[in-house]
């Protein structure tokens, strides 16, 4: 049974996949699968919104000023030295 075909719309991604497959002596499908597995493993999982708000409420109390919390962590960008 033939393997399913992968459709890639990005010519850059397609060229890179073919280049890596040739370099590693693997199929393009194997290269893509390996890359996606690594991405899934290394990419941190996003926190669900209800969990995020529950954690905020638990850590900072029920009356939380998000604007003040954001302002606390903001650091001005000094810009470029010209």
PDB file of N, CA and C in Angstrom:
ATOM      1  N   UNK A   1       0.847  -1.182   0.000  1.00  0.00           N
ATOM      2  CA  UNK A   1       0.000   0.000   0.000  1.00  0.00           C
ATOM      3  C   UNK A   1       0.895   1.249   0.000  1.00  0.00           C
ATOM      4  N   UNK A   2       0.658   2.186  -0.902  1.00  0.00           N
ATOM      5  CA  UNK A   2       1.513   3.376  -0.966  1.00  0.00           C
ATOM      6  C   UNK A   2       1.286   4.273   0.256  1.00  0.00           C
ATOM      7  N   UNK A   3       2.365   4.969   0.621  1.00  0.00           N
ATOM      8  CA  UNK A   3       2.265   5.892   1.752  1.00  0.00           C
ATOM      9  C   UNK A   3       1.527   7.152   1.335  1.00  0.00           C
ATOM     10  N   UNK A   4       0.812   7.784   2.269  1.00  0.00           N
ATOM     11  CA  UNK A   4       0.129   9.038   1.942  1.00  0.00           C
ATOM     12  C   UNK A   4       1.136  10.104   1.531  1.00  0.00           C
ATOM     13  N   UNK A   5       0.737  10.960   0.637  1.00  0.00           N
ATOM     14  CA  UNK A   5       1.596  12.044   0.167  1.00  0.00           C
ATOM     15  C   UNK A   5       1.431  13.254   1.069  1.00  0.00           C
ATOM     16  N   UNK A   6       2.518  13.945   1.285  1.00  0.00           N
ATOM     17  CA  UNK A   6       2.507  15.152   2.095  1.00  0.00           C
ATOM     18  C   UNK A   6       2.518  16.354   1.166  1.00  0.00           C
ATOM     19  N   UNK A   7       1.574  17.238   1.349  1.00  0.00           N
ATOM     20  CA  UNK A   7       1.499  18.441   0.527  1.00  0.00           C
ATOM     21  C   UNK A   7       2.108  19.601   1.299  1.00  0.00           C
ATOM     22  N   UNK A   8       3.130  20.221   0.719  1.00  0.00           N
ATOM     23  CA  UNK A   8       3.801  21.353   1.354  1.00  0.00           C
ATOM     24  C   UNK A   8       3.664  22.553   0.440  1.00  0.00           C
ATOM     25  N   UNK A   9       3.107  23.623   0.951  1.00  0.00           N
ATOM     26  CA  UNK A   9       2.884  24.812   0.123  1.00  0.00           C
ATOM     27  C   UNK A   9       4.084  25.744   0.114  1.00  0.00           C
ATOM     28  N   UNK A  10       4.956  25.587   1.075  1.00  0.00           N
ATOM     29  CA  UNK A  10       6.125  26.453   1.150  1.00  0.00           C
ATOM     30  C   UNK A  10       7.258  25.827   0.340  1.00  0.00           C
ATOM     31  N   UNK A  11       7.710  26.547  -0.673  1.00  0.00           N
ATOM     32  CA  UNK A  11       8.797  26.013  -1.492  1.00  0.00           C
ATOM     33  C   UNK A  11      10.085  25.932  -0.675  1.00  0.00           C
ATOM     34  N   UNK A  12      10.272  26.850   0.254  1.00  0.00           N
ATOM     35  CA  UNK A  12      11.453  26.820   1.112  1.00  0.00           C
ATOM     36  C   UNK A  12      11.446  25.567   1.988  1.00  0.00           C
ATOM     37  N   UNK A  13      10.299  25.241   2.585  1.00  0.00           N
ATOM     38  CA  UNK A  13      10.197  24.047   3.430  1.00  0.00           C
ATOM     39  C   UNK A  13      10.395  22.784   2.602  1.00  0.00           C
ATOM     40  N   UNK A  14       9.850  22.768   1.411  1.00  0.00           N
ATOM     41  CA  UNK A  14       9.994  21.605   0.540  1.00  0.00           C
ATOM     42  C   UNK A  14      11.457  21.400   0.143  1.00  0.00           C
ATOM     43  N   UNK A  15      12.132  22.474  -0.249  1.00  0.00           N
ATOM     44  CA  UNK A  15      13.546  22.365  -0.618  1.00  0.00           C
ATOM     45  C   UNK A  15      14.390  21.899   0.564  1.00  0.00           C
ATOM     46  N   UNK A  16      14.111  22.454   1.738  1.00  0.00           N
ATOM     47  CA  UNK A  16      14.859  22.081   2.929  1.00  0.00           C
ATOM     48  C   UNK A  16      14.625  20.612   3.295  1.00  0.00           C
ATOM     49  N   UNK A  17      13.385  20.157   3.193  1.00  0.00           N
ATOM     50  CA  UNK A  17      13.069  18.759   3.489  1.00  0.00           C
ATOM     51  C   UNK A  17      13.792  17.827   2.527  1.00  0.00           C
ATOM     52  N   UNK A  18      13.813  18.177   1.247  1.00  0.00           N
ATOM     53  CA  UNK A  18      14.515  17.349   0.258  1.00  0.00           C
ATOM     54  C   UNK A  18      16.028  17.368   0.507  1.00  0.00           C
ATOM     55  N   UNK A  19      16.566  18.523   0.851  1.00  0.00           N
ATOM     56  CA  UNK A  19      17.990  18.641   1.125  1.00  0.00           C
ATOM     57  C   UNK A  19      18.391  17.782   2.326  1.00  0.00           C
ATOM     58  N   UNK A  20      17.614  17.875   3.411  1.00  0.00           N
ATOM     59  CA  UNK A  20      17.907  17.083   4.601  1.00  0.00           C
ATOM     60  C   UNK A  20      17.733  15.589   4.340  1.00  0.00           C
ATOM     61  N   UNK A  21      16.720  15.240   3.572  1.00  0.00           N
ATOM     62  CA  UNK A  21      16.497  13.821   3.259  1.00  0.00           C
ATOM     63  C   UNK A  21      17.676  13.257   2.480  1.00  0.00           C
ATOM     64  N   UNK A  22      18.163  14.020   1.529  1.00  0.00           N
ATOM     65  CA  UNK A  22      19.303  13.563   0.728  1.00  0.00           C
ATOM     66  C   UNK A  22      20.552  13.461   1.601  1.00  0.00           C
ATOM     67  N   UNK A  23      20.762  14.473   2.441  1.00  0.00           N
ATOM     68  CA  UNK A  23      21.936  14.513   3.305  1.00  0.00           C
ATOM     69  C   UNK A  23      21.939  13.359   4.316  1.00  0.00           C
ATOM     70  N   UNK A  24      20.782  13.060   4.891  1.00  0.00           N
ATOM     71  CA  UNK A  24      20.677  12.023   5.919  1.00  0.00           C
ATOM     72  C   UNK A  24      20.333  10.646   5.351  1.00  0.00           C
ATOM     73  N   UNK A  25      20.169  10.584   4.030  1.00  0.00           N
ATOM     74  CA  UNK A  25      19.796   9.329   3.361  1.00  0.00           C
ATOM     75  C   UNK A  25      18.515   8.738   3.958  1.00  0.00           C
ATOM     76  N   UNK A  26      17.531   9.592   4.055  1.00  0.00           N
ATOM     77  CA  UNK A  26      16.198   9.220   4.548  1.00  0.00           C
ATOM     78  C   UNK A  26      15.172   9.697   3.534  1.00  0.00           C
ATOM     79  N   UNK A  27      13.940   9.274   3.753  1.00  0.00           N
ATOM     80  CA  UNK A  27      12.873   9.787   2.909  1.00  0.00           C
ATOM     81  C   UNK A  27      12.432  11.141   3.443  1.00  0.00           C
ATOM     82  N   UNK A  28      11.772  11.905   2.605  1.00  0.00           N
ATOM     83  CA  UNK A  28      11.250  13.206   3.034  1.00  0.00           C
ATOM     84  C   UNK A  28      10.252  12.996   4.172  1.00  0.00           C
ATOM     85  N   UNK A  29       9.435  11.957   4.069  1.00  0.00           N
ATOM     86  CA  UNK A  29       8.457  11.678   5.123  1.00  0.00           C
ATOM     87  C   UNK A  29       9.146  11.421   6.461  1.00  0.00           C
ATOM     88  N   UNK A  30      10.261  10.688   6.443  1.00  0.00           N
ATOM     89  CA  UNK A  30      10.982  10.425   7.686  1.00  0.00           C
ATOM     90  C   UNK A  30      11.550  11.707   8.282  1.00  0.00           C
ATOM     91  N   UNK A  31      12.073  12.582   7.432  1.00  0.00           N
ATOM     92  CA  UNK A  31      12.616  13.862   7.898  1.00  0.00           C
ATOM     93  C   UNK A  31      11.510  14.703   8.520  1.00  0.00           C
ATOM     94  N   UNK A  32      10.377  14.780   7.849  1.00  0.00           N
ATOM     95  CA  UNK A  32       9.258  15.590   8.348  1.00  0.00           C
ATOM     96  C   UNK A  32       8.717  15.003   9.650  1.00  0.00           C
ATOM     97  N   UNK A  33       8.567  13.684   9.710  1.00  0.00           N
ATOM     98  CA  UNK A  33       8.074  13.048  10.935  1.00  0.00           C
ATOM     99  C   UNK A  33       9.008  13.328  12.106  1.00  0.00           C
ATOM    100  N   UNK A  34      10.304  13.202  11.871  1.00  0.00           N
ATOM    101  CA  UNK A  34      11.280  13.438  12.937  1.00  0.00           C
ATOM    102  C   UNK A  34      11.223  14.891  13.396  1.00  0.00           C
ATOM    103  N   UNK A  35      11.131  15.807  12.458  1.00  0.00           N
ATOM    104  CA  UNK A  35      11.065  17.225  12.814  1.00  0.00           C
ATOM    105  C   UNK A  35       9.808  17.530  13.621  1.00  0.00           C
ATOM    106  N   UNK A  36       8.693  16.958  13.215  1.00  0.00           N
ATOM    107  CA  UNK A  36       7.446  17.207  13.945  1.00  0.00           C
ATOM    108  C   UNK A  36       7.464  16.573  15.330  1.00  0.00           C
ATOM    109  N   UNK A  37       8.072  15.392  15.448  1.00  0.00           N
ATOM    110  CA  UNK A  37       8.190  14.753  16.760  1.00  0.00           C
ATOM    111  C   UNK A  37       9.043  15.598  17.699  1.00  0.00           C
ATOM    112  N   UNK A  38      10.168  16.108  17.184  1.00  0.00           N
ATOM    113  CA  UNK A  38      11.026  16.972  18.005  1.00  0.00           C
ATOM    114  C   UNK A  38      10.305  18.253  18.397  1.00  0.00           C
ATOM    115  N   UNK A  39       9.582  18.832  17.458  1.00  0.00           N
ATOM    116  CA  UNK A  39       8.831  20.056  17.738  1.00  0.00           C
ATOM    117  C   UNK A  39       7.780  19.814  18.814  1.00  0.00           C
ATOM    118  N   UNK A  40       7.057  18.706  18.695  1.00  0.00           N
ATOM    119  CA  UNK A  40       6.008  18.391  19.668  1.00  0.00           C
ATOM    120  C   UNK A  40       6.604  18.142  21.046  1.00  0.00           C
ATOM    121  N   UNK A  41       7.782  17.549  21.082  1.00  0.00           N
ATOM    122  CA  UNK A  41       8.422  17.246  22.360  1.00  0.00           C
ATOM    123  C   UNK A  41       8.991  18.502  23.015  1.00  0.00           C
ATOM    124  N   UNK A  42       9.600  19.373  22.225  1.00  0.00           N
ATOM    125  CA  UNK A  42      10.275  20.547  22.773  1.00  0.00           C
ATOM    126  C   UNK A  42       9.354  21.736  22.983  1.00  0.00           C
ATOM    127  N   UNK A  43       8.293  21.816  22.235  1.00  0.00           N
ATOM    128  CA  UNK A  43       7.377  22.944  22.347  1.00  0.00           C
ATOM    129  C   UNK A  43       6.590  22.830  23.655  1.00  0.00           C
ATOM    130  N   UNK A  44       6.701  23.825  24.518  1.00  0.00           N
ATOM    131  CA  UNK A  44       5.957  23.745  25.778  1.00  0.00           C
ATOM    132  C   UNK A  44       4.452  23.781  25.527  1.00  0.00           C
ATOM    133  N   UNK A  45       3.763  23.039  26.334  1.00  0.00           N
ATOM    134  CA  UNK A  45       2.307  22.991  26.199  1.00  0.00           C
ATOM    135  C   UNK A  45       1.711  24.301  26.705  1.00  0.00           C
ATOM    136  N   UNK A  46       0.720  24.777  25.982  1.00  0.00           N
ATOM    137  CA  UNK A  46       0.054  26.013  26.393  1.00  0.00           C
ATOM    138  C   UNK A  46      -0.897  25.708  27.533  1.00  0.00           C
ATOM    139  N   UNK A  47      -0.950  26.636  28.449  1.00  0.00           N
ATOM    140  CA  UNK A  47      -1.841  26.503  29.587  1.00  0.00           C
ATOM    141  C   UNK A  47      -3.255  26.895  29.149  1.00  0.00           C
ATOM    142  N   UNK A  48      -4.213  26.074  29.484  1.00  0.00           N
ATOM    143  CA  UNK A  48      -5.606  26.372  29.137  1.00  0.00           C
ATOM    144  C   UNK A  48      -6.057  27.627  29.880  1.00  0.00           C
ATOM    145  N   UNK A  49      -6.916  28.413  29.255  1.00  0.00           N
ATOM    146  CA  UNK A  49      -7.365  29.680  29.839  1.00  0.00           C
ATOM    147  C   UNK A  49      -7.959  29.509  31.242  1.00  0.00           C
ATOM    148  N   UNK A  50      -8.866  28.537  31.456  1.00  0.00           N
ATOM    149  CA  UNK A  50      -9.406  28.390  32.818  1.00  0.00           C
ATOM    150  C   UNK A  50      -8.315  28.080  33.857  1.00  0.00           C
ATOM    151  N   UNK A  51      -7.326  27.290  33.463  1.00  0.00           N
ATOM    152  CA  UNK A  51      -6.224  26.974  34.382  1.00  0.00           C
ATOM    153  C   UNK A  51      -5.382  28.215  34.662  1.00  0.00           C
ATOM    154  N   UNK A  52      -5.155  29.007  33.613  1.00  0.00           N
ATOM    155  CA  UNK A  52      -4.390  30.239  33.767  1.00  0.00           C
ATOM    156  C   UNK A  52      -5.069  31.185  34.748  1.00  0.00           C
ATOM    157  N   UNK A  53      -6.366  31.411  34.576  1.00  0.00           N
ATOM    158  CA  UNK A  53      -7.074  32.324  35.463  1.00  0.00           C
ATOM    159  C   UNK A  53      -7.191  31.765  36.879  1.00  0.00           C
ATOM    160  N   UNK A  54      -7.330  30.453  37.012  1.00  0.00           N
ATOM    161  CA  UNK A  54      -7.361  29.844  38.347  1.00  0.00           C
ATOM    162  C   UNK A  54      -6.022  30.040  39.050  1.00  0.00           C
ATOM    163  N   UNK A  55      -4.918  29.878  38.315  1.00  0.00           N
ATOM    164  CA  UNK A  55      -3.590  30.069  38.890  1.00  0.00           C
ATOM    165  C   UNK A  55      -3.386  31.528  39.291  1.00  0.00           C
ATOM    166  N   UNK A  56      -3.814  32.461  38.439  1.00  0.00           N
ATOM    167  CA  UNK A  56      -3.700  33.879  38.793  1.00  0.00           C
ATOM    168  C   UNK A  56      -4.481  34.198  40.062  1.00  0.00           C
ATOM    169  N   UNK A  57      -5.672  33.673  40.117  1.00  0.00           N
ATOM    170  CA  UNK A  57      -6.519  33.919  41.282  1.00  0.00           C
ATOM    171  C   UNK A  57      -5.888  33.323  42.545  1.00  0.00           C
ATOM    172  N   UNK A  58      -5.329  32.123  42.418  1.00  0.00           N
ATOM    173  CA  UNK A  58      -4.705  31.450  43.548  1.00  0.00           C
ATOM    174  C   UNK A  58      -3.440  32.200  44.000  1.00  0.00           C
ATOM    175  N   UNK A  59      -2.630  32.652  43.038  1.00  0.00           N
ATOM    176  CA  UNK A  59      -1.359  33.288  43.377  1.00  0.00           C
ATOM    177  C   UNK A  59      -1.500  34.750  43.807  1.00  0.00           C
ATOM    178  N   UNK A  60      -2.480  35.458  43.263  1.00  0.00           N
ATOM    179  CA  UNK A  60      -2.583  36.887  43.508  1.00  0.00           C
ATOM    180  C   UNK A  60      -3.879  37.305  44.189  1.00  0.00           C
ATOM    181  N   UNK A  61      -4.740  36.383  44.506  1.00  0.00           N
ATOM    182  CA  UNK A  61      -6.001  36.725  45.144  1.00  0.00           C
ATOM    183  C   UNK A  61      -7.100  36.921  44.115  1.00  0.00           C
ATOM    184  N   UNK A  62      -8.283  37.197  44.601  1.00  0.00           N
ATOM    185  CA  UNK A  62      -9.426  37.282  43.702  1.00  0.00           C
ATOM    186  C   UNK A  62      -9.522  38.609  42.979  1.00  0.00           C
ATOM    187  N   UNK A  63      -9.044  39.687  43.590  1.00  0.00           N
ATOM    188  CA  UNK A  63      -9.108  40.997  42.956  1.00  0.00           C
ATOM    189  C   UNK A  63      -7.758  41.291  42.317  1.00  0.00           C
ATOM    190  N   UNK A  64      -7.670  41.044  41.041  1.00  0.00           N
ATOM    191  CA  UNK A  64      -6.397  41.142  40.338  1.00  0.00           C
ATOM    192  C   UNK A  64      -6.475  42.228  39.277  1.00  0.00           C
ATOM    193  N   UNK A  65      -5.527  43.140  39.315  1.00  0.00           N
ATOM    194  CA  UNK A  65      -5.432  44.189  38.308  1.00  0.00           C
ATOM    195  C   UNK A  65      -4.394  43.750  37.272  1.00  0.00           C
ATOM    196  N   UNK A  66      -4.863  43.192  36.134  1.00  0.00           N
ATOM    197  CA  UNK A  66      -3.943  42.683  35.116  1.00  0.00           C
ATOM    198  C   UNK A  66      -3.069  43.782  34.534  1.00  0.00           C
ATOM    199  N   UNK A  67      -3.622  44.971  34.376  1.00  0.00           N
ATOM    200  CA  UNK A  67      -2.823  46.081  33.837  1.00  0.00           C
ATOM    201  C   UNK A  67      -1.653  46.411  34.759  1.00  0.00           C
ATOM    202  N   UNK A  68      -1.893  46.418  36.054  1.00  0.00           N
ATOM    203  CA  UNK A  68      -0.817  46.705  37.010  1.00  0.00           C
ATOM    204  C   UNK A  68       0.216  45.583  36.995  1.00  0.00           C
ATOM    205  N   UNK A  69      -0.233  44.369  36.881  1.00  0.00           N
ATOM    206  CA  UNK A  69       0.670  43.224  36.832  1.00  0.00           C
ATOM    207  C   UNK A  69       1.560  43.287  35.593  1.00  0.00           C
ATOM    208  N   UNK A  70       0.983  43.669  34.466  1.00  0.00           N
ATOM    209  CA  UNK A  70       1.757  43.793  33.227  1.00  0.00           C
ATOM    210  C   UNK A  70       2.749  44.941  33.341  1.00  0.00           C
ATOM    211  N   UNK A  71       2.310  46.065  33.913  1.00  0.00           N
ATOM    212  CA  UNK A  71       3.197  47.226  34.075  1.00  0.00           C
ATOM    213  C   UNK A  71       4.404  46.892  34.954  1.00  0.00           C
ATOM    214  N   UNK A  72       4.221  46.022  35.947  1.00  0.00           N
ATOM    215  CA  UNK A  72       5.326  45.649  36.832  1.00  0.00           C
ATOM    216  C   UNK A  72       6.474  45.012  36.058  1.00  0.00           C
ATOM    217  N   UNK A  73       6.160  44.210  35.062  1.00  0.00           N
ATOM    218  CA  UNK A  73       7.182  43.474  34.322  1.00  0.00           C
ATOM    219  C   UNK A  73       7.679  44.197  33.081  1.00  0.00           C
ATOM    220  N   UNK A  74       7.100  45.314  32.750  1.00  0.00           N
ATOM    221  CA  UNK A  74       7.530  46.038  31.553  1.00  0.00           C
ATOM    222  C   UNK A  74       8.835  46.752  31.801  1.00  0.00           C
ATOM    223  N   UNK A  75       9.699  46.669  30.820  1.00  0.00           N
ATOM    224  CA  UNK A  75      10.964  47.382  30.876  1.00  0.00           C
ATOM    225  C   UNK A  75      11.057  48.226  29.606  1.00  0.00           C
ATOM    226  N   UNK A  76      11.354  49.510  29.751  1.00  0.00           N
ATOM    227  CA  UNK A  76      11.422  50.364  28.555  1.00  0.00           C
ATOM    228  C   UNK A  76      12.558  49.934  27.648  1.00  0.00           C
ATOM    229  N   UNK A  77      12.315  50.035  26.366  1.00  0.00           N
ATOM    230  CA  UNK A  77      13.336  49.722  25.360  1.00  0.00           C
ATOM    231  C   UNK A  77      14.134  50.990  25.112  1.00  0.00           C
ATOM    232  N   UNK A  78      15.439  50.884  25.286  1.00  0.00           N
ATOM    233  CA  UNK A  78      16.276  52.078  25.128  1.00  0.00           C
ATOM    234  C   UNK A  78      16.468  52.444  23.658  1.00  0.00           C
ATOM    235  N   UNK A  79      16.121  51.544  22.745  1.00  0.00           N
ATOM    236  CA  UNK A  79      16.253  51.846  21.326  1.00  0.00           C
ATOM    237  C   UNK A  79      17.676  51.703  20.838  1.00  0.00           C
ATOM    238  N   UNK A  80      17.910  52.136  19.645  1.00  0.00           N
ATOM    239  CA  UNK A  80      19.230  52.025  19.043  1.00  0.00           C
ATOM    240  C   UNK A  80      20.106  53.181  19.469  1.00  0.00           C
ATOM    241  N   UNK A  81      21.390  52.894  19.602  1.00  0.00           N
ATOM    242  CA  UNK A  81      22.358  53.965  19.838  1.00  0.00           C
ATOM    243  C   UNK A  81      22.793  54.491  18.484  1.00  0.00           C
ATOM    244  N   UNK A  82      22.487  55.729  18.231  1.00  0.00           N
ATOM    245  CA  UNK A  82      22.840  56.316  16.933  1.00  0.00           C
ATOM    246  C   UNK A  82      24.064  57.171  17.018  1.00  0.00           C
TER     247      UNK A  82
END
